[in-house]
C-alpha atoms as a PDB file:
ATOM      1  CA  MET A   1      -8.163 -23.986  12.623  1.00  0.00           C
ATOM      2  CA  ASP A   2      -5.168 -24.951  10.680  1.00  0.00           C
ATOM      3  CA  ALA A   3      -2.540 -22.717   8.974  1.00  0.00           C
ATOM      4  CA  ASN A   4      -4.051 -22.836   5.594  1.00  0.00           C
ATOM      5  CA  GLU A   5      -7.551 -22.113   6.775  1.00  0.00           C
ATOM      6  CA  ILE A   6      -6.020 -18.992   8.775  1.00  0.00           C
ATOM      7  CA  VAL A   7      -4.443 -17.768   5.487  1.00  0.00           C
ATOM      8  CA  GLU A   8      -7.632 -18.139   3.680  1.00  0.00           C
ATOM      9  CA  GLU A   9      -9.717 -16.229   6.208  1.00  0.00           C
ATOM     10  CA  ASN A  10      -7.030 -13.415   6.317  1.00  0.00           C
ATOM     11  CA  LEU A  11      -7.349 -13.098   2.325  1.00  0.00           C
ATOM     12  CA  ARG A  12     -11.058 -13.074   2.760  1.00  0.00           C
ATOM     13  CA  LEU A  13     -10.899 -10.053   5.577  1.00  0.00           C
ATOM     14  CA  MET A  14      -8.448  -8.277   3.256  1.00  0.00           C
ATOM     15  CA  LYS A  15     -10.635  -8.485   0.161  1.00  0.00           C
ATOM     16  CA  SER A  16     -13.870  -7.573   2.159  1.00  0.00           C
ATOM     17  CA  LYS A  17     -15.952  -4.867   1.195  1.00  0.00           C
ATOM     18  CA  ALA A  18     -17.219  -4.631   4.900  1.00  0.00           C
ATOM     19  CA  ARG A  19     -16.049  -2.500   7.697  1.00  0.00           C
ATOM     20  CA  GLY A  20     -12.823  -3.998   9.091  1.00  0.00           C
ATOM     21  CA  GLY A  21     -11.601  -5.226   5.509  1.00  0.00           C
ATOM     22  CA  MET A  22      -8.158  -3.920   4.105  1.00  0.00           C
ATOM     23  CA  GLU A  23      -9.701  -2.575   0.865  1.00  0.00           C
ATOM     24  CA  VAL A  24     -12.446  -0.553   2.532  1.00  0.00           C
ATOM     25  CA  LEU A  25      -9.485   1.002   4.625  1.00  0.00           C
ATOM     26  CA  LEU A  26      -7.025   1.737   1.725  1.00  0.00           C
ATOM     27  CA  ALA A  27     -10.041   3.065  -0.073  1.00  0.00           C
ATOM     28  CA  LYS A  28     -10.258   5.998   2.265  1.00  0.00           C
ATOM     29  CA  GLU A  29      -6.432   6.379   3.138  1.00  0.00           C
ATOM     30  CA  SER A  30      -4.338   9.090   1.618  1.00  0.00           C
ATOM     31  CA  MET A  31      -1.648   8.113  -0.769  1.00  0.00           C
ATOM     32  CA  GLY A  32       2.039   9.046  -0.626  1.00  0.00           C
ATOM     33  CA  GLY A  33       2.788  10.965   2.581  1.00  0.00           C
ATOM     34  CA  THR A  34       4.665   8.731   5.238  1.00  0.00           C
ATOM     35  CA  ALA A  35       4.062   5.685   3.261  1.00  0.00           C
ATOM     36  CA  GLY A  36       5.868   7.089   0.412  1.00  0.00           C
ATOM     37  CA  ARG A  37       6.452   5.531  -3.064  1.00  0.00           C
ATOM     38  CA  PHE A  38       7.539   2.056  -4.570  1.00  0.00           C
ATOM     39  CA  GLN A  39       8.786   1.902  -8.093  1.00  0.00           C
ATOM     40  CA  GLY A  40       6.733   4.997  -9.050  1.00  0.00           C
ATOM     41  CA  TYR A  41       3.724   3.908  -7.508  1.00  0.00           C
ATOM     42  CA  SER A  42       2.179   5.856  -4.500  1.00  0.00           C
ATOM     43  CA  CYS A  43       1.907   3.841  -1.180  1.00  0.00           C
ATOM     44  CA  ALA A  44      -0.658   3.749   1.684  1.00  0.00           C
ATOM     45  CA  GLY A  45      -0.453   2.171   5.097  1.00  0.00           C
ATOM     46  CA  ALA A  46      -2.857  -0.614   5.946  1.00  0.00           C
ATOM     47  CA  ASN A  47      -3.125  -0.678   9.723  1.00  0.00           C
ATOM     48  CA  PHE A  48      -4.551  -4.025  11.172  1.00  0.00           C
ATOM     49  CA  HIS A  49      -4.864  -5.711  14.180  1.00  0.00           C
ATOM     50  CA  TYR A  50      -3.795  -9.473  14.500  1.00  0.00           C
ATOM     51  CA  ASP A  51      -3.628 -12.371  16.996  1.00  0.00           C
ATOM     52  CA  SER A  52      -0.187 -12.699  18.125  1.00  0.00           C
ATOM     53  CA  GLN A  53      -0.660 -16.620  18.718  1.00  0.00           C
ATOM     54  CA  SER A  54      -2.404 -17.684  15.425  1.00  0.00           C
ATOM     55  CA  GLY A  55      -1.248 -14.823  13.006  1.00  0.00           C
ATOM     56  CA  ARG A  56      -5.164 -14.519  12.346  1.00  0.00           C
ATOM     57  CA  ILE A  57      -5.882 -10.743  11.046  1.00  0.00           C
ATOM     58  CA  LEU A  58      -8.790  -9.567  13.137  1.00  0.00           C
ATOM     59  CA  TYR A  59      -9.291  -5.943  11.667  1.00  0.00           C
ATOM     60  CA  PHE A  60      -8.032  -3.255   9.085  1.00  0.00           C
ATOM     61  CA  GLU A  61      -8.525   0.482  10.635  1.00  0.00           C
ATOM     62  CA  ASN A  62      -6.398   3.172  11.825  1.00  0.00           C
ATOM     63  CA  LEU A  63      -6.117   3.010  15.514  1.00  0.00           C
ATOM     64  CA  GLN A  64      -8.586   5.411  16.745  1.00  0.00           C
ATOM     65  CA  ASP A  65     -11.222   3.610  14.941  1.00  0.00           C
ATOM     66  CA  VAL A  66     -10.534  -0.012  15.971  1.00  0.00           C
ATOM     67  CA  PRO A  67     -13.305  -0.942  18.116  1.00  0.00           C
ATOM     68  CA  PRO A  68     -12.198  -1.605  21.838  1.00  0.00           C
ATOM     69  CA  GLU A  69     -12.792  -5.303  22.123  1.00  0.00           C
ATOM     70  CA  ILE A  70     -10.244  -5.749  19.164  1.00  0.00           C
ATOM     71  CA  ARG A  71      -7.917  -3.280  20.057  1.00  0.00           C
ATOM     72  CA  ASN A  72      -7.814  -4.758  23.450  1.00  0.00           C
ATOM     73  CA  ARG A  73      -7.130  -8.433  22.309  1.00  0.00           C
ATOM     74  CA  GLY A  74      -4.859  -7.987  19.116  1.00  0.00           C
ATOM     75  CA  ARG A  75      -1.777  -6.307  18.393  1.00  0.00           C
ATOM     76  CA  GLU A  76      -1.107  -3.750  15.939  1.00  0.00           C
ATOM     77  CA  SER A  77       1.065  -3.830  12.687  1.00  0.00           C
ATOM     78  CA  ILE A  78       1.054  -2.202   9.091  1.00  0.00           C
ATOM     79  CA  PHE A  79       1.383  -3.375   5.700  1.00  0.00           C
ATOM     80  CA  LYS A  80       2.819  -0.752   3.009  1.00  0.00           C
ATOM     81  CA  VAL A  81       0.811  -1.197   0.126  1.00  0.00           C
ATOM     82  CA  ALA A  82       1.664   0.384  -3.558  1.00  0.00           C
ATOM     83  CA  VAL A  83      -1.829   1.534  -5.326  1.00  0.00           C
ATOM     84  CA  ASN A  84      -2.081   1.434  -8.879  1.00  0.00           C
ATOM     85  CA  ILE A  85      -3.956   4.605  -9.317  1.00  0.00           C
ATOM     86  CA  ALA A  86      -3.482   5.235 -12.864  1.00  0.00           C
ATOM     87  CA  ALA A  87      -5.245   1.538 -13.468  1.00  0.00           C
ATOM     88  CA  ALA A  88      -8.230   2.850 -11.424  1.00  0.00           C
ATOM     89  CA  ALA A  89      -8.319   6.072 -13.020  1.00  0.00           C
ATOM     90  CA  GLU A  90      -8.422   4.667 -16.271  1.00  0.00           C
ATOM     91  CA  ARG A  91     -10.979   2.242 -16.001  1.00  0.00           C
ATOM     92  CA  ALA A  92     -13.025   4.838 -14.226  1.00  0.00           C
ATOM     93  CA  ARG A  93     -12.683   7.235 -17.204  1.00  0.00           C
ATOM     94  CA  ALA A  94     -13.779   4.268 -19.731  1.00  0.00           C
ATOM     95  CA  GLY A  95     -16.822   3.534 -17.414  1.00  0.00           C
ATOM     96  CA  LYS A  96     -15.587   0.418 -16.415  1.00  0.00           C
ATOM     97  CA  PRO A  97     -16.078  -1.388 -12.764  1.00  0.00           C
ATOM     98  CA  PRO A  98     -13.090  -1.218 -10.821  1.00  0.00           C
ATOM     99  CA  VAL A  99     -10.220  -3.947 -11.462  1.00  0.00           C
ATOM    100  CA  ASP A 100      -9.532  -6.727  -8.570  1.00  0.00           C
ATOM    101  CA  ASP A 101      -5.701  -5.779  -8.779  1.00  0.00           C
ATOM    102  CA  LEU A 102      -5.248  -2.384  -7.618  1.00  0.00           C
ATOM    103  CA  TYR A 103      -2.968  -3.088  -4.630  1.00  0.00           C
ATOM    104  CA  HIS A 104       0.332  -4.950  -4.013  1.00  0.00           C
ATOM    105  CA  ILE A 105       1.999  -5.354  -0.521  1.00  0.00           C
ATOM    106  CA  VAL A 106       5.411  -4.134  -0.959  1.00  0.00           C
ATOM    107  CA  GLU A 107       6.694  -3.967   2.648  1.00  0.00           C
ATOM    108  CA  TYR A 108       5.905  -6.230   5.784  1.00  0.00           C
ATOM    109  CA  GLU A 109       8.161  -7.906   8.340  1.00  0.00           C
ATOM    110  CA  PRO A 110       6.261  -9.660  11.321  1.00  0.00           C
ATOM    111  CA  PRO A 111       7.336  -8.255  14.412  1.00  0.00           C
ATOM    112  CA  SER A 112       9.595 -10.242  16.568  1.00  0.00           C
ATOM    113  CA  GLY A 113       8.568 -11.340  19.880  1.00  0.00           C
ATOM    114  CA  ILE A 114       5.386 -12.987  18.556  1.00  0.00           C
ATOM    115  CA  HIS A 115       4.659 -16.894  18.204  1.00  0.00           C
ATOM    116  CA  PRO A 116       6.771 -18.017  15.241  1.00  0.00           C
ATOM    117  CA  ASP A 117       3.716 -19.714  13.769  1.00  0.00           C
ATOM    118  CA  ALA A 118       2.036 -16.303  13.608  1.00  0.00           C
ATOM    119  CA  GLN A 119       4.980 -14.819  11.908  1.00  0.00           C
ATOM    120  CA  GLU A 120       5.000 -17.749   9.151  1.00  0.00           C
ATOM    121  CA  ILE A 121       0.965 -17.032   8.601  1.00  0.00           C
ATOM    122  CA  LEU A 122       1.428 -13.470   8.195  1.00  0.00           C
ATOM    123  CA  ARG A 123       4.277 -13.961   5.698  1.00  0.00           C
ATOM    124  CA  ARG A 124       2.275 -16.617   3.680  1.00  0.00           C
ATOM    125  CA  THR A 125      -0.817 -14.253   3.881  1.00  0.00           C
ATOM    126  CA  VAL A 126       1.027 -11.516   2.407  1.00  0.00           C
ATOM    127  CA  SER A 127       2.644 -13.729  -0.336  1.00  0.00           C
ATOM    128  CA  GLU A 128      -0.723 -15.553  -1.229  1.00  0.00           C
ATOM    129  CA  TYR A 129      -2.390 -11.983  -1.585  1.00  0.00           C
ATOM    130  CA  ASN A 130       0.284 -10.585  -3.862  1.00  0.00           C
ATOM    131  CA  ARG A 131       0.653 -13.874  -5.836  1.00  0.00           C
ATOM    132  CA  ARG A 132      -3.401 -13.946  -6.217  1.00  0.00           C
ATOM    133  CA  PHE A 133      -4.330 -10.143  -6.341  1.00  0.00           C
ATOM    134  CA  GLY A 134      -1.346  -7.965  -6.556  1.00  0.00           C
ATOM    135  CA  PHE A 135      -0.747  -5.833  -9.691  1.00  0.00           C
ATOM    136  CA  LEU A 136       3.005  -6.494  -9.782  1.00  0.00           C
ATOM    137  CA  ARG A 137       2.704 -10.211 -10.353  1.00  0.00           C
ATOM    138  CA  GLY A 138       5.171 -11.597 -12.618  1.00  0.00           C
END
């Protein structure tokens, strides 16, 4: 699998509505707290496991809920994600379906000690997610 395919696979998992997807995890996370705020927006932490050689994201979930087979083969990291709660609430009040751009990754630095290709893939994944789906575009 080449770098572009891994980035696309990571993005699919981030947008997935299935267990192990980032947006599923964020929907149940509490806002603020230790994740704090960014430019007036509440933030949440999106914990994930990834392959340290390829940069492929394996699963999004809090450590205690990650299946053992994933926990044993992946490394853990976290995205700090700003959440546009006001937009979500406004759409819900109006009876409209949720929008696709409620989140924006505002903080992430790949850990040192992993393969340089994996670091680059994870950086590209964040950049592409924000470019395509983040609400702070432009």
